[in-house]
């Protein structure tokens, strides 16, 4: 079963724009390939980016 965008970012369905942005920044610091040399970091960051763009699109 794949995780929802909310689960990927670790936010509630009712999350505000600021909460989504903060979650994205926190996860980016953890998984960005420039900061994390784990083989899975790039894939994690790609999923985080997709989730972030999808959730932020509801505000714009």
N, C-alpha and C. Protein backbone atom coordinates (compact mmCIF):
# COMPACT_ATOMS: atom_id res chain seq x y z
N UNK A 1 0.85 -1.18 0.00
CA UNK A 1 0.00 0.00 0.00
C UNK A 1 0.89 1.24 0.00
N UNK A 2 0.60 2.16 -0.87
CA UNK A 2 1.42 3.37 -0.92
C UNK A 2 0.88 4.41 0.06
N UNK A 3 1.77 5.24 0.51
CA UNK A 3 1.40 6.27 1.47
C UNK A 3 0.76 7.45 0.75
N UNK A 4 -0.14 8.12 1.45
CA UNK A 4 -0.75 9.32 0.89
C UNK A 4 0.25 10.47 0.98
N UNK A 5 -0.04 11.53 0.27
CA UNK A 5 0.83 12.70 0.32
C UNK A 5 0.92 13.23 1.75
N UNK A 6 -0.19 13.18 2.47
CA UNK A 6 -0.19 13.65 3.86
C UNK A 6 0.71 12.77 4.72
N UNK A 7 0.65 11.48 4.51
CA UNK A 7 1.50 10.55 5.27
C UNK A 7 2.97 10.76 4.94
N UNK A 8 3.27 10.99 3.67
CA UNK A 8 4.67 11.20 3.26
C UNK A 8 5.25 12.40 4.00
N UNK A 9 4.47 13.47 4.09
CA UNK A 9 4.97 14.68 4.76
C UNK A 9 4.72 14.65 6.27
N UNK A 10 3.93 13.70 6.74
CA UNK A 10 3.67 13.59 8.17
C UNK A 10 2.78 14.69 8.70
N UNK A 11 1.80 15.11 7.90
CA UNK A 11 0.87 16.16 8.31
C UNK A 11 -0.56 15.64 8.27
N UNK A 12 -1.43 16.32 8.97
CA UNK A 12 -2.85 15.99 8.98
C UNK A 12 -3.51 16.48 7.69
N UNK A 13 -4.65 15.92 7.37
CA UNK A 13 -5.42 16.34 6.19
C UNK A 13 -5.81 17.81 6.31
N UNK A 14 -5.95 18.30 7.52
CA UNK A 14 -6.35 19.68 7.76
C UNK A 14 -5.16 20.63 7.88
N UNK A 15 -3.97 20.18 7.52
CA UNK A 15 -2.75 20.99 7.67
C UNK A 15 -2.85 22.30 6.89
N UNK A 16 -2.31 23.33 7.50
CA UNK A 16 -2.26 24.64 6.85
C UNK A 16 -1.08 24.68 5.88
N UNK A 17 -1.07 25.73 5.08
CA UNK A 17 0.04 25.93 4.14
C UNK A 17 1.37 25.99 4.89
N UNK A 18 1.39 26.70 6.00
CA UNK A 18 2.62 26.83 6.78
C UNK A 18 3.05 25.49 7.38
N UNK A 19 2.11 24.70 7.86
CA UNK A 19 2.45 23.38 8.42
C UNK A 19 3.04 22.46 7.35
N UNK A 20 2.49 22.52 6.16
CA UNK A 20 3.01 21.72 5.05
C UNK A 20 4.41 22.18 4.68
N UNK A 21 4.61 23.48 4.63
CA UNK A 21 5.93 24.03 4.30
C UNK A 21 6.96 23.63 5.36
N UNK A 22 6.60 23.71 6.63
CA UNK A 22 7.52 23.34 7.71
C UNK A 22 7.87 21.85 7.64
N UNK A 23 6.88 21.01 7.37
CA UNK A 23 7.13 19.57 7.26
C UNK A 23 8.07 19.28 6.09
N UNK A 24 7.85 19.96 4.98
CA UNK A 24 8.71 19.79 3.81
C UNK A 24 10.15 20.16 4.15
N UNK A 25 10.33 21.30 4.78
CA UNK A 25 11.69 21.75 5.12
C UNK A 25 12.38 20.77 6.07
N UNK A 26 11.63 20.28 7.04
CA UNK A 26 12.19 19.32 8.01
C UNK A 26 12.65 18.06 7.29
N UNK A 27 11.80 17.54 6.42
CA UNK A 27 12.13 16.32 5.69
C UNK A 27 13.25 16.54 4.68
N UNK A 28 13.27 17.71 4.06
CA UNK A 28 14.33 18.02 3.10
C UNK A 28 15.69 18.03 3.78
N UNK A 29 15.74 18.57 4.99
CA UNK A 29 17.01 18.57 5.74
C UNK A 29 17.44 17.14 6.08
N UNK A 30 16.47 16.27 6.24
CA UNK A 30 16.78 14.88 6.61
C UNK A 30 17.15 14.03 5.40
N UNK A 31 16.47 14.23 4.27
CA UNK A 31 16.61 13.31 3.13
C UNK A 31 17.28 13.89 1.89
N UNK A 32 17.57 15.17 1.85
CA UNK A 32 18.17 15.73 0.64
C UNK A 32 19.48 15.00 0.33
N UNK A 33 19.64 14.54 -0.90
CA UNK A 33 20.84 13.76 -1.26
C UNK A 33 22.16 14.50 -1.02
N UNK A 34 22.15 15.81 -1.03
CA UNK A 34 23.38 16.56 -0.73
C UNK A 34 23.75 16.47 0.74
N UNK A 35 22.76 16.15 1.59
CA UNK A 35 23.00 16.09 3.03
C UNK A 35 22.95 14.67 3.57
N UNK A 36 22.43 13.75 2.79
CA UNK A 36 22.24 12.37 3.24
C UNK A 36 22.79 11.45 2.15
N UNK A 37 23.82 10.71 2.48
CA UNK A 37 24.43 9.85 1.46
C UNK A 37 23.86 8.44 1.42
N UNK A 38 22.72 8.25 2.06
CA UNK A 38 22.03 6.96 2.00
C UNK A 38 21.57 6.70 0.57
N UNK A 39 21.67 5.46 0.11
CA UNK A 39 21.22 5.14 -1.26
C UNK A 39 19.74 5.45 -1.49
N UNK A 40 18.93 5.42 -0.44
CA UNK A 40 17.50 5.66 -0.59
C UNK A 40 17.12 7.14 -0.49
N UNK A 41 18.06 7.99 -0.14
CA UNK A 41 17.75 9.41 0.08
C UNK A 41 17.16 10.08 -1.15
N UNK A 42 17.73 9.80 -2.32
CA UNK A 42 17.23 10.43 -3.55
C UNK A 42 15.78 10.06 -3.80
N UNK A 43 15.44 8.78 -3.65
CA UNK A 43 14.06 8.34 -3.86
C UNK A 43 13.12 8.96 -2.83
N UNK A 44 13.55 9.01 -1.58
CA UNK A 44 12.73 9.65 -0.54
C UNK A 44 12.47 11.10 -0.90
N UNK A 45 13.51 11.81 -1.31
CA UNK A 45 13.36 13.22 -1.63
C UNK A 45 12.44 13.43 -2.83
N UNK A 46 12.49 12.54 -3.80
CA UNK A 46 11.58 12.65 -4.94
C UNK A 46 10.13 12.52 -4.49
N UNK A 47 9.85 11.57 -3.60
CA UNK A 47 8.49 11.39 -3.09
C UNK A 47 8.05 12.59 -2.26
N UNK A 48 8.96 13.13 -1.47
CA UNK A 48 8.67 14.31 -0.66
C UNK A 48 8.34 15.49 -1.57
N UNK A 49 9.11 15.69 -2.64
CA UNK A 49 8.85 16.79 -3.58
C UNK A 49 7.50 16.64 -4.26
N UNK A 50 7.16 15.44 -4.68
CA UNK A 50 5.86 15.20 -5.33
C UNK A 50 4.73 15.51 -4.37
N UNK A 51 4.83 15.02 -3.14
CA UNK A 51 3.79 15.25 -2.14
C UNK A 51 3.66 16.74 -1.83
N UNK A 52 4.77 17.42 -1.68
CA UNK A 52 4.76 18.85 -1.37
C UNK A 52 4.07 19.64 -2.47
N UNK A 53 4.45 19.40 -3.71
CA UNK A 53 3.83 20.13 -4.84
C UNK A 53 2.33 19.86 -4.90
N UNK A 54 1.94 18.61 -4.71
CA UNK A 54 0.52 18.26 -4.79
C UNK A 54 -0.29 18.95 -3.69
N UNK A 55 0.23 18.92 -2.47
CA UNK A 55 -0.52 19.52 -1.36
C UNK A 55 -0.52 21.04 -1.42
N UNK A 56 0.57 21.63 -1.86
CA UNK A 56 0.61 23.09 -1.95
C UNK A 56 -0.25 23.62 -3.09
N UNK A 57 -0.54 22.80 -4.07
CA UNK A 57 -1.35 23.25 -5.21
C UNK A 57 -2.77 23.63 -4.77
N UNK A 58 -3.23 23.09 -3.67
CA UNK A 58 -4.58 23.43 -3.21
C UNK A 58 -4.67 24.85 -2.66
N UNK A 59 -3.53 25.47 -2.38
CA UNK A 59 -3.50 26.82 -1.84
C UNK A 59 -3.30 27.88 -2.92
N UNK A 60 -2.98 27.46 -4.13
CA UNK A 60 -2.66 28.43 -5.19
C UNK A 60 -3.54 28.25 -6.39
